[in-house]
PDB file of N, CA and C in Angstrom:
ATOM      1  N   MET A   1       0.919  -1.190  -0.025  1.00  0.00           N
ATOM      2  CA  MET A   1       0.042   0.004   0.011  1.00  0.00           C
ATOM      3  C   MET A   1       0.881   1.200   0.021  1.00  0.00           C
ATOM      4  N   SER A   2       0.604   2.203  -0.770  1.00  0.00           N
ATOM      5  CA  SER A   2       1.333   3.392  -0.948  1.00  0.00           C
ATOM      6  C   SER A   2       1.196   4.277   0.367  1.00  0.00           C
ATOM      7  N   GLU A   3       2.167   5.103   0.587  1.00  0.00           N
ATOM      8  CA  GLU A   3       2.126   6.038   1.721  1.00  0.00           C
ATOM      9  C   GLU A   3       0.938   6.940   1.572  1.00  0.00           C
ATOM     10  N   PHE A   4       0.663   7.446   0.303  1.00  0.00           N
ATOM     11  CA  PHE A   4      -0.482   8.273   0.074  1.00  0.00           C
ATOM     12  C   PHE A   4      -1.807   7.631   0.489  1.00  0.00           C
ATOM     13  N   VAL A   5      -1.955   6.360   0.154  1.00  0.00           N
ATOM     14  CA  VAL A   5      -3.186   5.636   0.564  1.00  0.00           C
ATOM     15  C   VAL A   5      -3.328   5.625   2.043  1.00  0.00           C
ATOM     16  N   GLU A   6      -2.293   5.301   2.740  1.00  0.00           N
ATOM     17  CA  GLU A   6      -2.204   5.278   4.265  1.00  0.00           C
ATOM     18  C   GLU A   6      -2.586   6.693   4.751  1.00  0.00           C
ATOM     19  N   TYR A   7      -2.061   7.683   4.187  1.00  0.00           N
ATOM     20  CA  TYR A   7      -2.341   9.098   4.609  1.00  0.00           C
ATOM     21  C   TYR A   7      -3.847   9.417   4.407  1.00  0.00           C
ATOM     22  N   LEU A   8      -4.450   8.875   3.368  1.00  0.00           N
ATOM     23  CA  LEU A   8      -5.893   9.144   3.179  1.00  0.00           C
ATOM     24  C   LEU A   8      -6.711   8.592   4.292  1.00  0.00           C
ATOM     25  N   LYS A   9      -6.225   7.528   4.923  1.00  0.00           N
ATOM     26  CA  LYS A   9      -7.007   7.013   6.043  1.00  0.00           C
ATOM     27  C   LYS A   9      -7.082   7.940   7.164  1.00  0.00           C
ATOM     28  N   GLU A  10      -6.056   8.773   7.359  1.00  0.00           N
ATOM     29  CA  GLU A  10      -6.018   9.826   8.344  1.00  0.00           C
ATOM     30  C   GLU A  10      -6.925  11.011   7.910  1.00  0.00           C
ATOM     31  N   VAL A  11      -6.819  11.309   6.651  1.00  0.00           N
ATOM     32  CA  VAL A  11      -7.637  12.430   6.106  1.00  0.00           C
ATOM     33  C   VAL A  11      -9.120  12.189   6.334  1.00  0.00           C
ATOM     34  N   PHE A  12      -9.506  10.955   6.171  1.00  0.00           N
ATOM     35  CA  PHE A  12     -10.954  10.615   6.266  1.00  0.00           C
ATOM     36  C   PHE A  12     -11.412  10.030   7.669  1.00  0.00           C
ATOM     37  N   VAL A  13     -10.591  10.249   8.647  1.00  0.00           N
ATOM     38  CA  VAL A  13     -10.829   9.671   9.948  1.00  0.00           C
ATOM     39  C   VAL A  13     -12.178  10.103  10.505  1.00  0.00           C
ATOM     40  N   HIS A  14     -12.641  11.337  10.247  1.00  0.00           N
ATOM     41  CA  HIS A  14     -13.957  11.812  10.747  1.00  0.00           C
ATOM     42  C   HIS A  14     -15.111  11.308   9.891  1.00  0.00           C
ATOM     43  N   PHE A  15     -14.798  10.715   8.742  1.00  0.00           N
ATOM     44  CA  PHE A  15     -15.795  10.163   7.920  1.00  0.00           C
ATOM     45  C   PHE A  15     -16.087   8.704   8.287  1.00  0.00           C
ATOM     46  N   GLY A  16     -15.057   7.935   8.413  1.00  0.00           N
ATOM     47  CA  GLY A  16     -15.152   6.549   8.773  1.00  0.00           C
ATOM     48  C   GLY A  16     -13.991   5.750   8.181  1.00  0.00           C
ATOM     49  N   PRO A  17     -13.951   4.466   8.427  1.00  0.00           N
ATOM     50  CA  PRO A  17     -12.847   3.606   7.954  1.00  0.00           C
ATOM     51  C   PRO A  17     -12.952   3.352   6.454  1.00  0.00           C
ATOM     52  N   ILE A  18     -11.962   3.785   5.763  1.00  0.00           N
ATOM     53  CA  ILE A  18     -11.895   3.527   4.313  1.00  0.00           C
ATOM     54  C   ILE A  18     -10.843   2.453   4.137  1.00  0.00           C
ATOM     55  N   HIS A  19     -10.904   1.797   2.995  1.00  0.00           N
ATOM     56  CA  HIS A  19      -9.834   0.856   2.628  1.00  0.00           C
ATOM     57  C   HIS A  19      -9.688   0.971   1.075  1.00  0.00           C
ATOM     58  N   ALA A  20      -8.490   0.542   0.740  1.00  0.00           N
ATOM     59  CA  ALA A  20      -8.098   0.655  -0.685  1.00  0.00           C
ATOM     60  C   ALA A  20      -7.858  -0.761  -1.277  1.00  0.00           C
ATOM     61  N   ARG A  21      -8.225  -0.850  -2.632  1.00  0.00           N
ATOM     62  CA  ARG A  21      -7.935  -2.134  -3.317  1.00  0.00           C
ATOM     63  C   ARG A  21      -7.097  -1.733  -4.597  1.00  0.00           C
ATOM     64  N   LYS A  22      -6.060  -2.479  -4.796  1.00  0.00           N
ATOM     65  CA  LYS A  22      -5.196  -2.168  -5.957  1.00  0.00           C
ATOM     66  C   LYS A  22      -5.991  -2.512  -7.203  1.00  0.00           C
ATOM     67  N   MET A  23      -5.920  -1.555  -8.210  1.00  0.00           N
ATOM     68  CA  MET A  23      -6.678  -1.806  -9.477  1.00  0.00           C
ATOM     69  C   MET A  23      -5.991  -0.941 -10.540  1.00  0.00           C
ATOM     70  N   PHE A  24      -5.791  -1.468 -11.720  1.00  0.00           N
ATOM     71  CA  PHE A  24      -5.433  -0.774 -12.937  1.00  0.00           C
ATOM     72  C   PHE A  24      -4.220   0.186 -12.622  1.00  0.00           C
ATOM     73  N   GLY A  25      -3.257  -0.221 -11.905  1.00  0.00           N
ATOM     74  CA  GLY A  25      -2.115   0.595 -11.640  1.00  0.00           C
ATOM     75  C   GLY A  25      -2.265   1.650 -10.609  1.00  0.00           C
ATOM     76  N   GLY A  26      -3.504   1.718 -10.017  1.00  0.00           N
ATOM     77  CA  GLY A  26      -3.817   2.599  -8.921  1.00  0.00           C
ATOM     78  C   GLY A  26      -4.584   1.875  -7.836  1.00  0.00           C
ATOM     79  N   TYR A  27      -5.481   2.621  -7.197  1.00  0.00           N
ATOM     80  CA  TYR A  27      -6.292   2.014  -6.120  1.00  0.00           C
ATOM     81  C   TYR A  27      -7.682   2.537  -6.258  1.00  0.00           C
ATOM     82  N   GLY A  28      -8.603   1.726  -5.852  1.00  0.00           N
ATOM     83  CA  GLY A  28      -9.994   2.133  -5.619  1.00  0.00           C
ATOM     84  C   GLY A  28     -10.125   2.329  -4.141  1.00  0.00           C
ATOM     85  N   MET A  29     -10.750   3.381  -3.742  1.00  0.00           N
ATOM     86  CA  MET A  29     -11.001   3.674  -2.332  1.00  0.00           C
ATOM     87  C   MET A  29     -12.433   3.411  -1.994  1.00  0.00           C
ATOM     88  N   TYR A  30     -12.622   2.542  -0.920  1.00  0.00           N
ATOM     89  CA  TYR A  30     -13.932   2.063  -0.570  1.00  0.00           C
ATOM     90  C   TYR A  30     -14.326   2.429   0.823  1.00  0.00           C
ATOM     91  N   TYR A  31     -15.591   2.547   1.006  1.00  0.00           N
ATOM     92  CA  TYR A  31     -16.271   2.690   2.305  1.00  0.00           C
ATOM     93  C   TYR A  31     -17.477   1.831   2.263  1.00  0.00           C
ATOM     94  N   ARG A  32     -17.559   0.875   3.256  1.00  0.00           N
ATOM     95  CA  ARG A  32     -18.708  -0.078   3.258  1.00  0.00           C
ATOM     96  C   ARG A  32     -18.981  -0.731   1.921  1.00  0.00           C
ATOM     97  N   ASN A  33     -17.921  -1.179   1.256  1.00  0.00           N
ATOM     98  CA  ASN A  33     -18.034  -1.906  -0.002  1.00  0.00           C
ATOM     99  C   ASN A  33     -18.559  -1.038  -1.173  1.00  0.00           C
ATOM    100  N   VAL A  34     -18.495   0.263  -0.984  1.00  0.00           N
ATOM    101  CA  VAL A  34     -18.936   1.162  -2.079  1.00  0.00           C
ATOM    102  C   VAL A  34     -17.693   1.949  -2.487  1.00  0.00           C
ATOM    103  N   MET A  35     -17.400   1.944  -3.761  1.00  0.00           N
ATOM    104  CA  MET A  35     -16.250   2.661  -4.224  1.00  0.00           C
ATOM    105  C   MET A  35     -16.565   4.202  -4.268  1.00  0.00           C
ATOM    106  N   ILE A  36     -15.812   4.961  -3.453  1.00  0.00           N
ATOM    107  CA  ILE A  36     -16.055   6.396  -3.314  1.00  0.00           C
ATOM    108  C   ILE A  36     -14.914   7.173  -3.910  1.00  0.00           C
ATOM    109  N   GLY A  37     -13.800   6.551  -4.254  1.00  0.00           N
ATOM    110  CA  GLY A  37     -12.630   7.297  -4.767  1.00  0.00           C
ATOM    111  C   GLY A  37     -11.739   6.427  -5.588  1.00  0.00           C
ATOM    112  N   LEU A  38     -10.929   7.122  -6.328  1.00  0.00           N
ATOM    113  CA  LEU A  38      -9.967   6.500  -7.206  1.00  0.00           C
ATOM    114  C   LEU A  38      -8.663   7.187  -6.994  1.00  0.00           C
ATOM    115  N   ILE A  39      -7.652   6.408  -6.802  1.00  0.00           N
ATOM    116  CA  ILE A  39      -6.308   7.012  -6.593  1.00  0.00           C
ATOM    117  C   ILE A  39      -5.404   6.628  -7.791  1.00  0.00           C
ATOM    118  N   ALA A  40      -4.875   7.576  -8.499  1.00  0.00           N
ATOM    119  CA  ALA A  40      -4.014   7.381  -9.605  1.00  0.00           C
ATOM    120  C   ALA A  40      -2.894   8.369  -9.554  1.00  0.00           C
ATOM    121  N   ASP A  41      -1.601   7.886  -9.701  1.00  0.00           N
ATOM    122  CA  ASP A  41      -0.482   8.795  -9.662  1.00  0.00           C
ATOM    123  C   ASP A  41      -0.487   9.684  -8.446  1.00  0.00           C
ATOM    124  N   GLU A  42      -0.818   9.089  -7.324  1.00  0.00           N
ATOM    125  CA  GLU A  42      -0.784   9.859  -5.997  1.00  0.00           C
ATOM    126  C   GLU A  42      -1.799  11.013  -6.001  1.00  0.00           C
ATOM    127  N   THR A  43      -2.865  10.892  -6.804  1.00  0.00           N
ATOM    128  CA  THR A  43      -3.835  11.937  -6.881  1.00  0.00           C
ATOM    129  C   THR A  43      -5.246  11.284  -6.520  1.00  0.00           C
ATOM    130  N   LEU A  44      -6.024  11.927  -5.671  1.00  0.00           N
ATOM    131  CA  LEU A  44      -7.303  11.381  -5.324  1.00  0.00           C
ATOM    132  C   LEU A  44      -8.416  11.982  -6.161  1.00  0.00           C
ATOM    133  N   TYR A  45      -9.239  11.165  -6.705  1.00  0.00           N
ATOM    134  CA  TYR A  45     -10.398  11.511  -7.423  1.00  0.00           C
ATOM    135  C   TYR A  45     -11.650  10.959  -6.648  1.00  0.00           C
ATOM    136  N   LEU A  46     -12.619  11.826  -6.438  1.00  0.00           N
ATOM    137  CA  LEU A  46     -13.858  11.268  -5.706  1.00  0.00           C
ATOM    138  C   LEU A  46     -15.007  11.018  -6.627  1.00  0.00           C
ATOM    139  N   LYS A  47     -15.811  10.095  -6.220  1.00  0.00           N
ATOM    140  CA  LYS A  47     -16.982   9.695  -6.982  1.00  0.00           C
ATOM    141  C   LYS A  47     -17.980  10.862  -7.077  1.00  0.00           C
ATOM    142  N   VAL A  48     -18.533  11.037  -8.308  1.00  0.00           N
ATOM    143  CA  VAL A  48     -19.545  12.135  -8.536  1.00  0.00           C
ATOM    144  C   VAL A  48     -20.797  11.565  -9.207  1.00  0.00           C
ATOM    145  N   ASN A  49     -21.866  12.381  -9.046  1.00  0.00           N
ATOM    146  CA  ASN A  49     -23.033  12.108  -9.910  1.00  0.00           C
ATOM    147  C   ASN A  49     -23.333  13.450 -10.602  1.00  0.00           C
ATOM    148  N   ALA A  50     -24.437  13.489 -11.393  1.00  0.00           N
ATOM    149  CA  ALA A  50     -24.703  14.639 -12.144  1.00  0.00           C
ATOM    150  C   ALA A  50     -24.746  15.931 -11.379  1.00  0.00           C
ATOM    151  N   ASN A  51     -25.325  15.916 -10.119  1.00  0.00           N
ATOM    152  CA  ASN A  51     -25.387  17.092  -9.326  1.00  0.00           C
ATOM    153  C   ASN A  51     -23.991  17.509  -8.834  1.00  0.00           C
ATOM    154  N   LEU A  52     -23.202  16.599  -8.447  1.00  0.00           N
ATOM    155  CA  LEU A  52     -21.853  16.948  -7.916  1.00  0.00           C
ATOM    156  C   LEU A  52     -20.908  17.484  -8.966  1.00  0.00           C
ATOM    157  N   VAL A  53     -21.088  17.043 -10.224  1.00  0.00           N
ATOM    158  CA  VAL A  53     -20.173  17.508 -11.287  1.00  0.00           C
ATOM    159  C   VAL A  53     -20.120  19.035 -11.295  1.00  0.00           C
ATOM    160  N   LYS A  54     -21.298  19.609 -11.177  1.00  0.00           N
ATOM    161  CA  LYS A  54     -21.379  21.110 -11.241  1.00  0.00           C
ATOM    162  C   LYS A  54     -20.506  21.690 -10.027  1.00  0.00           C
ATOM    163  N   ILE A  55     -20.551  21.115  -8.943  1.00  0.00           N
ATOM    164  CA  ILE A  55     -19.811  21.666  -7.782  1.00  0.00           C
ATOM    165  C   ILE A  55     -18.300  21.570  -8.100  1.00  0.00           C
ATOM    166  N   TYR A  56     -17.846  20.410  -8.547  1.00  0.00           N
ATOM    167  CA  TYR A  56     -16.478  20.207  -8.862  1.00  0.00           C
ATOM    168  C   TYR A  56     -15.977  21.150  -9.969  1.00  0.00           C
ATOM    169  N   GLU A  57     -16.796  21.244 -11.054  1.00  0.00           N
ATOM    170  CA  GLU A  57     -16.444  22.108 -12.121  1.00  0.00           C
ATOM    171  C   GLU A  57     -16.391  23.625 -11.729  1.00  0.00           C
ATOM    172  N   ALA A  58     -17.261  23.996 -10.847  1.00  0.00           N
ATOM    173  CA  ALA A  58     -17.272  25.413 -10.318  1.00  0.00           C
ATOM    174  C   ALA A  58     -15.971  25.717  -9.611  1.00  0.00           C
ATOM    175  N   LYS A  59     -15.374  24.638  -9.000  1.00  0.00           N
ATOM    176  CA  LYS A  59     -14.091  24.856  -8.279  1.00  0.00           C
ATOM    177  C   LYS A  59     -12.875  24.636  -9.189  1.00  0.00           C
ATOM    178  N   GLY A  60     -13.129  24.340 -10.502  1.00  0.00           N
ATOM    179  CA  GLY A  60     -12.094  24.193 -11.449  1.00  0.00           C
ATOM    180  C   GLY A  60     -11.398  22.817 -11.355  1.00  0.00           C
ATOM    181  N   LEU A  61     -12.151  21.865 -10.851  1.00  0.00           N
ATOM    182  CA  LEU A  61     -11.616  20.455 -10.661  1.00  0.00           C
ATOM    183  C   LEU A  61     -12.123  19.621 -11.813  1.00  0.00           C
ATOM    184  N   GLY A  62     -11.157  18.856 -12.368  1.00  0.00           N
ATOM    185  CA  GLY A  62     -11.562  18.094 -13.553  1.00  0.00           C
ATOM    186  C   GLY A  62     -11.719  16.561 -13.249  1.00  0.00           C
ATOM    187  N   PRO A  63     -12.217  15.859 -14.295  1.00  0.00           N
ATOM    188  CA  PRO A  63     -12.467  14.410 -14.109  1.00  0.00           C
ATOM    189  C   PRO A  63     -11.190  13.578 -14.288  1.00  0.00           C
ATOM    190  N   PHE A  64     -11.228  12.409 -13.796  1.00  0.00           N
ATOM    191  CA  PHE A  64     -10.209  11.390 -14.117  1.00  0.00           C
ATOM    192  C   PHE A  64     -10.402  10.947 -15.565  1.00  0.00           C
ATOM    193  N   GLU A  65      -9.433  11.066 -16.359  1.00  0.00           N
ATOM    194  CA  GLU A  65      -9.475  10.689 -17.810  1.00  0.00           C
ATOM    195  C   GLU A  65      -8.296   9.704 -18.089  1.00  0.00           C
ATOM    196  N   TYR A  66      -8.527   8.860 -19.044  1.00  0.00           N
ATOM    197  CA  TYR A  66      -7.482   8.043 -19.532  1.00  0.00           C
ATOM    198  C   TYR A  66      -7.675   7.841 -21.104  1.00  0.00           C
ATOM    199  N   GLN A  67      -6.599   7.505 -21.742  1.00  0.00           N
ATOM    200  CA  GLN A  67      -6.622   7.295 -23.262  1.00  0.00           C
ATOM    201  C   GLN A  67      -6.929   5.849 -23.540  1.00  0.00           C
ATOM    202  N   LYS A  68      -7.935   5.590 -24.365  1.00  0.00           N
ATOM    203  CA  LYS A  68      -8.257   4.254 -24.839  1.00  0.00           C
ATOM    204  C   LYS A  68      -8.244   4.297 -26.399  1.00  0.00           C
ATOM    205  N   GLY A  69      -7.204   3.830 -26.937  1.00  0.00           N
ATOM    206  CA  GLY A  69      -7.013   3.991 -28.408  1.00  0.00           C
ATOM    207  C   GLY A  69      -6.943   5.426 -28.755  1.00  0.00           C
ATOM    208  N   ASP A  70      -7.829   5.846 -29.671  1.00  0.00           N
ATOM    209  CA  ASP A  70      -7.751   7.293 -30.098  1.00  0.00           C
ATOM    210  C   ASP A  70      -8.856   8.007 -29.347  1.00  0.00           C
ATOM    211  N   LYS A  71      -9.425   7.531 -28.313  1.00  0.00           N
ATOM    212  CA  LYS A  71     -10.460   8.163 -27.481  1.00  0.00           C
ATOM    213  C   LYS A  71     -10.005   8.486 -26.126  1.00  0.00           C
ATOM    214  N   VAL A  72     -10.513   9.666 -25.599  1.00  0.00           N
ATOM    215  CA  VAL A  72     -10.310   9.987 -24.155  1.00  0.00           C
ATOM    216  C   VAL A  72     -11.504   9.567 -23.419  1.00  0.00           C
ATOM    217  N   VAL A  73     -11.342   8.730 -22.410  1.00  0.00           N
ATOM    218  CA  VAL A  73     -12.548   8.283 -21.540  1.00  0.00           C
ATOM    219  C   VAL A  73     -12.502   9.054 -20.267  1.00  0.00           C
ATOM    220  N   LYS A  74     -13.607   9.710 -19.993  1.00  0.00           N
ATOM    221  CA  LYS A  74     -13.822  10.446 -18.708  1.00  0.00           C
ATOM    222  C   LYS A  74     -14.649   9.532 -17.817  1.00  0.00           C
ATOM    223  N   MET A  75     -14.143   9.393 -16.564  1.00  0.00           N
ATOM    224  CA  MET A  75     -14.928   8.607 -15.647  1.00  0.00           C
ATOM    225  C   MET A  75     -15.678   9.504 -14.644  1.00  0.00           C
ATOM    226  N   SER A  76     -16.519   8.904 -13.851  1.00  0.00           N
ATOM    227  CA  SER A  76     -17.369   9.679 -12.888  1.00  0.00           C
ATOM    228  C   SER A  76     -16.634   9.904 -11.586  1.00  0.00           C
ATOM    229  N   TYR A  77     -15.358  10.288 -11.709  1.00  0.00           N
ATOM    230  CA  TYR A  77     -14.497  10.628 -10.541  1.00  0.00           C
ATOM    231  C   TYR A  77     -13.805  11.898 -10.832  1.00  0.00           C
ATOM    232  N   TYR A  78     -13.868  12.889  -9.951  1.00  0.00           N
ATOM    233  CA  TYR A  78     -13.263  14.192 -10.124  1.00  0.00           C
ATOM    234  C   TYR A  78     -12.195  14.365  -9.111  1.00  0.00           C
ATOM    235  N   MET A  79     -11.193  15.169  -9.480  1.00  0.00           N
ATOM    236  CA  MET A  79     -10.079  15.465  -8.548  1.00  0.00           C
ATOM    237  C   MET A  79     -10.620  16.074  -7.228  1.00  0.00           C
ATOM    238  N   ALA A  80     -10.163  15.584  -6.130  1.00  0.00           N
ATOM    239  CA  ALA A  80     -10.520  16.062  -4.807  1.00  0.00           C
ATOM    240  C   ALA A  80     -10.097  17.475  -4.560  1.00  0.00           C
ATOM    241  N   PRO A  81     -10.873  18.296  -3.896  1.00  0.00           N
ATOM    242  CA  PRO A  81     -10.418  19.649  -3.572  1.00  0.00           C
ATOM    243  C   PRO A  81      -9.356  19.700  -2.546  1.00  0.00           C
ATOM    244  N   ALA A  82      -8.390  20.556  -2.704  1.00  0.00           N
ATOM    245  CA  ALA A  82      -7.162  20.574  -1.833  1.00  0.00           C
ATOM    246  C   ALA A  82      -7.570  20.789  -0.363  1.00  0.00           C
ATOM    247  N   GLU A  83      -8.623  21.511  -0.090  1.00  0.00           N
ATOM    248  CA  GLU A  83      -8.917  21.838   1.326  1.00  0.00           C
ATOM    249  C   GLU A  83      -9.277  20.569   2.158  1.00  0.00           C
ATOM    250  N   ILE A  84      -9.684  19.501   1.591  1.00  0.00           N
ATOM    251  CA  ILE A  84     -10.034  18.304   2.377  1.00  0.00           C
ATOM    252  C   ILE A  84      -8.744  17.704   3.060  1.00  0.00           C
ATOM    253  N   PHE A  85      -7.553  17.979   2.528  1.00  0.00           N
ATOM    254  CA  PHE A  85      -6.390  17.423   3.136  1.00  0.00           C
ATOM    255  C   PHE A  85      -5.955  18.114   4.438  1.00  0.00           C
ATOM    256  N   ASP A  86      -6.484  19.235   4.686  1.00  0.00           N
ATOM    257  CA  ASP A  86      -6.143  20.034   5.883  1.00  0.00           C
ATOM    258  C   ASP A  86      -7.288  20.131   6.833  1.00  0.00           C
ATOM    259  N   ASP A  87      -8.464  19.702   6.516  1.00  0.00           N
ATOM    260  CA  ASP A  87      -9.669  19.830   7.274  1.00  0.00           C
ATOM    261  C   ASP A  87     -10.463  18.579   7.281  1.00  0.00           C
ATOM    262  N   PRO A  88     -10.339  17.789   8.388  1.00  0.00           N
ATOM    263  CA  PRO A  88     -11.056  16.476   8.460  1.00  0.00           C
ATOM    264  C   PRO A  88     -12.569  16.563   8.384  1.00  0.00           C
ATOM    265  N   GLU A  89     -13.155  17.652   8.840  1.00  0.00           N
ATOM    266  CA  GLU A  89     -14.569  17.801   8.733  1.00  0.00           C
ATOM    267  C   GLU A  89     -14.987  18.024   7.256  1.00  0.00           C
ATOM    268  N   GLU A  90     -14.205  18.807   6.564  1.00  0.00           N
ATOM    269  CA  GLU A  90     -14.428  19.067   5.130  1.00  0.00           C
ATOM    270  C   GLU A  90     -14.246  17.819   4.350  1.00  0.00           C
ATOM    271  N   ALA A  91     -13.299  17.016   4.769  1.00  0.00           N
ATOM    272  CA  ALA A  91     -13.036  15.708   4.056  1.00  0.00           C
ATOM    273  C   ALA A  91     -14.247  14.843   4.309  1.00  0.00           C
ATOM    274  N   ALA A  92     -14.745  14.802   5.460  1.00  0.00           N
ATOM    275  CA  ALA A  92     -15.947  13.941   5.751  1.00  0.00           C
ATOM    276  C   ALA A  92     -17.153  14.362   4.879  1.00  0.00           C
ATOM    277  N   LEU A  93     -17.299  15.654   4.767  1.00  0.00           N
ATOM    278  CA  LEU A  93     -18.477  16.205   3.928  1.00  0.00           C
ATOM    279  C   LEU A  93     -18.311  15.711   2.469  1.00  0.00           C
ATOM    280  N   TRP A  94     -17.095  15.905   1.950  1.00  0.00           N
ATOM    281  CA  TRP A  94     -16.887  15.425   0.490  1.00  0.00           C
ATOM    282  C   TRP A  94     -17.015  13.974   0.416  1.00  0.00           C
ATOM    283  N   ALA A  95     -16.545  13.186   1.324  1.00  0.00           N
ATOM    284  CA  ALA A  95     -16.602  11.735   1.285  1.00  0.00           C
ATOM    285  C   ALA A  95     -18.081  11.281   1.393  1.00  0.00           C
ATOM    286  N   THR A  96     -18.874  11.943   2.175  1.00  0.00           N
ATOM    287  CA  THR A  96     -20.243  11.616   2.318  1.00  0.00           C
ATOM    288  C   THR A  96     -20.984  11.764   1.041  1.00  0.00           C
ATOM    289  N   ARG A  97     -20.617  12.907   0.305  1.00  0.00           N
ATOM    290  CA  ARG A  97     -21.285  13.118  -0.984  1.00  0.00           C
ATOM    291  C   ARG A  97     -20.870  12.096  -1.972  1.00  0.00           C
ATOM    292  N   SER A  98     -19.626  11.626  -1.918  1.00  0.00           N
ATOM    293  CA  SER A  98     -19.174  10.559  -2.851  1.00  0.00           C
ATOM    294  C   SER A  98     -19.735   9.262  -2.461  1.00  0.00           C
ATOM    295  N   TYR A  99     -19.938   8.946  -1.213  1.00  0.00           N
ATOM    296  CA  TYR A  99     -20.547   7.772  -0.778  1.00  0.00           C
ATOM    297  C   TYR A  99     -22.014   7.633  -1.354  1.00  0.00           C
ATOM    298  N   GLU A 100     -22.692   8.797  -1.219  1.00  0.00           N
ATOM    299  CA  GLU A 100     -24.073   8.823  -1.670  1.00  0.00           C
ATOM    300  C   GLU A 100     -24.137   8.692  -3.203  1.00  0.00           C
ATOM    301  N   ALA A 101     -23.147   9.246  -3.892  1.00  0.00           N
ATOM    302  CA  ALA A 101     -23.080   9.066  -5.387  1.00  0.00           C
ATOM    303  C   ALA A 101     -22.801   7.636  -5.724  1.00  0.00           C
ATOM    304  N   GLY A 102     -21.957   6.949  -4.917  1.00  0.00           N
ATOM    305  CA  GLY A 102     -21.584   5.561  -5.147  1.00  0.00           C
ATOM    306  C   GLY A 102     -22.773   4.697  -4.868  1.00  0.00           C
ATOM    307  N   LEU A 103     -23.528   4.965  -3.822  1.00  0.00           N
ATOM    308  CA  LEU A 103     -24.778   4.151  -3.587  1.00  0.00           C
ATOM    309  C   LEU A 103     -25.797   4.356  -4.713  1.00  0.00           C
ATOM    310  N   GLN A 104     -25.920   5.570  -5.199  1.00  0.00           N
ATOM    311  CA  GLN A 104     -26.880   5.811  -6.314  1.00  0.00           C
ATOM    312  C   GLN A 104     -26.418   5.079  -7.531  1.00  0.00           C
ATOM    313  N   ALA A 105     -25.143   5.012  -7.806  1.00  0.00           N
ATOM    314  CA  ALA A 105     -24.603   4.330  -8.999  1.00  0.00           C
ATOM    315  C   ALA A 105     -24.837   2.881  -8.847  1.00  0.00           C
ATOM    316  N   LYS A 106     -24.550   2.324  -7.659  1.00  0.00           N
ATOM    317  CA  LYS A 106     -24.741   0.915  -7.356  1.00  0.00           C
ATOM    318  C   LYS A 106     -26.204   0.473  -7.535  1.00  0.00           C
ATOM    319  N   ALA A 107     -27.151   1.375  -7.051  1.00  0.00           N
ATOM    320  CA  ALA A 107     -28.527   1.036  -7.200  1.00  0.00           C
ATOM    321  C   ALA A 107     -28.994   1.073  -8.636  1.00  0.00           C
ATOM    322  N   LYS A 108     -28.436   2.048  -9.342  1.00  0.00           N
ATOM    323  CA  LYS A 108     -28.769   2.155 -10.799  1.00  0.00           C
ATOM    324  C   LYS A 108     -28.250   0.896 -11.570  1.00  0.00           C
ATOM    325  N   SER A 109     -27.069   0.518 -11.225  1.00  0.00           N
ATOM    326  CA  SER A 109     -26.447  -0.658 -11.865  1.00  0.00           C
ATOM    327  C   SER A 109     -27.297  -1.907 -11.601  1.00  0.00           C
ATOM    328  N   LYS A 110     -27.739  -2.102 -10.262  1.00  0.00           N
ATOM    329  CA  LYS A 110     -28.529  -3.229  -9.969  1.00  0.00           C
ATOM    330  C   LYS A 110     -29.856  -3.231 -10.717  1.00  0.00           C
ATOM    331  N   SER A 111     -30.458  -2.030 -10.846  1.00  0.00           N
ATOM    332  CA  SER A 111     -31.746  -1.874 -11.480  1.00  0.00           C
ATOM    333  C   SER A 111     -31.628  -2.222 -13.002  1.00  0.00           C
ATOM    334  N   THR A 112     -30.527  -1.815 -13.606  1.00  0.00           N
ATOM    335  CA  THR A 112     -30.289  -2.115 -15.040  1.00  0.00           C
ATOM    336  C   THR A 112     -30.036  -3.570 -15.131  1.00  0.00           C
ATOM    337  N   GLU A 113     -29.289  -4.162 -14.295  1.00  0.00           N
ATOM    338  CA  GLU A 113     -28.989  -5.602 -14.292  1.00  0.00           C
ATOM    339  C   GLU A 113     -30.279  -6.434 -14.146  1.00  0.00           C
ATOM    340  N   THR A 114     -31.212  -6.019 -13.262  1.00  0.00           N
ATOM    341  CA  THR A 114     -32.438  -6.726 -13.108  1.00  0.00           C
ATOM    342  C   THR A 114     -33.319  -6.663 -14.357  1.00  0.00           C
ATOM    343  N   ARG A 115     -33.360  -5.445 -14.936  1.00  0.00           N
ATOM    344  CA  ARG A 115     -34.220  -5.309 -16.211  1.00  0.00           C
ATOM    345  C   ARG A 115     -33.569  -6.133 -17.313  1.00  0.00           C
ATOM    346  N   THR A 116     -32.311  -6.257 -17.418  1.00  0.00           N
ATOM    347  CA  THR A 116     -31.621  -7.047 -18.440  1.00  0.00           C
ATOM    348  C   THR A 116     -31.884  -8.531 -18.240  1.00  0.00           C
ATOM    349  N   GLN A 117     -31.867  -8.947 -17.058  1.00  0.00           N
ATOM    350  CA  GLN A 117     -32.216 -10.339 -16.747  1.00  0.00           C
ATOM    351  C   GLN A 117     -33.659 -10.700 -16.924  1.00  0.00           C
ATOM    352  N   ALA A 118     -34.512  -9.724 -16.738  1.00  0.00           N
ATOM    353  CA  ALA A 118     -35.946  -9.918 -17.008  1.00  0.00           C
ATOM    354  C   ALA A 118     -36.297  -9.843 -18.415  1.00  0.00           C
ATOM    355  N   GLY A 119     -35.386  -9.402 -19.283  1.00  0.00           N
ATOM    356  CA  GLY A 119     -35.616  -9.206 -20.721  1.00  0.00           C
ATOM    357  C   GLY A 119     -36.359  -8.059 -21.148  1.00  0.00           C
ATOM    358  N   THR A 120     -36.301  -7.016 -20.330  1.00  0.00           N
ATOM    359  CA  THR A 120     -36.991  -5.729 -20.736  1.00  0.00           C
ATOM    360  C   THR A 120     -36.034  -4.760 -21.318  1.00  0.00           C
TER     361      THR A 120
END
């Protein structure tokens, strides 16, 4: 586990216990088995939904992107605001938003899976 990942456990101490899983050359950051963050190149990106994107973009924060062939793929994770690293209460607020976005995405995914299995 990287030092940055270990540091994030301290950052989110007021939010709750987070853990990381190694994936695709980085880490997924989880809370209660819901992915709330993505860590790539020692940078934290937090899970967003349509409502949160506006908040991140208003702060000038961009999405996690990667190149796939000749396409740029943008994921639903945006760079974490710098102030969370100095303020555990602010970190808890942003993590809570990401957890809610993760729960929403998980519910939507299960709903789509159920419809697909039912043949609708």
